[in-house]
Amino acid sequence: MANFSCRNKRIGKVADKVAALYPTTCVKYHISDTYGNISSTITDNRRTLI
């Protein structure tokens, strides 16, 4: 989870830098955890269900 948080912060900083370079543009970003529910598909032997 720490890696996800670090990537979020990094992307936010990059967006801020791009916005500063191009002040007449609108920079927006949206980050979501798409694989947040993947743990519900893992069985006891750690293989995913298909």
Protein backbone atom coordinates (compact mmCIF):
# COMPACT_ATOMS: atom_id res chain seq x y z
CA MET A 1 0.00 0.00 0.00
CA ALA A 2 2.92 2.34 0.63
CA ASN A 3 3.98 2.07 -3.01
CA PHE A 4 0.52 3.10 -4.18
CA SER A 5 0.60 6.12 -1.88
CA CYS A 6 4.08 7.11 -3.08
CA ARG A 7 3.01 6.86 -6.72
CA ASN A 8 -0.03 9.03 -5.99
CA LYS A 9 2.14 11.73 -4.48
CA ARG A 10 4.65 11.54 -7.33
CA ILE A 11 1.96 11.87 -9.99
CA GLY A 12 0.52 14.85 -8.13
CA LYS A 13 3.93 16.54 -8.10
CA VAL A 14 4.38 15.87 -11.82
CA ALA A 15 0.94 17.34 -12.54
CA ASP A 16 1.89 20.44 -10.53
CA LYS A 17 5.11 20.83 -12.51
CA VAL A 18 3.32 20.46 -15.83
CA ALA A 19 0.71 23.01 -14.74
CA ALA A 20 3.50 25.43 -13.80
CA LEU A 21 5.15 24.96 -17.21
CA TYR A 22 1.89 25.58 -19.06
CA PRO A 23 -0.07 28.12 -16.99
CA THR A 24 -2.81 28.60 -19.60
CA THR A 25 -3.80 24.93 -19.54
CA CYS A 26 -5.86 22.94 -17.08
CA VAL A 27 -4.10 19.87 -15.69
CA LYS A 28 -6.29 17.27 -14.01
CA TYR A 29 -5.58 13.75 -12.88
CA HIS A 30 -7.56 11.00 -11.22
CA ILE A 31 -6.06 7.96 -9.55
CA SER A 32 -8.04 4.97 -8.35
CA ASP A 33 -7.07 1.61 -6.96
CA THR A 34 -8.45 -0.70 -9.63
CA TYR A 35 -7.24 -3.90 -8.02
CA GLY A 36 -8.46 -3.17 -4.52
CA ASN A 37 -10.83 -6.13 -4.55
CA ILE A 38 -8.46 -8.68 -6.10
CA SER A 39 -7.85 -10.29 -2.70
CA SER A 40 -11.39 -11.69 -2.82
CA THR A 41 -10.43 -13.83 -5.87
CA ILE A 42 -7.35 -15.46 -4.33
CA THR A 43 -7.84 -18.95 -2.96
CA ASP A 44 -5.93 -20.62 -0.11
CA ASN A 45 -3.18 -21.79 -2.46
CA ARG A 46 -2.67 -18.21 -3.76
CA ARG A 47 -3.82 -18.92 -7.30
CA THR A 48 -6.41 -16.64 -8.80
CA LEU A 49 -9.75 -17.95 -9.93
CA ILE A 50 -10.61 -17.73 -13.61
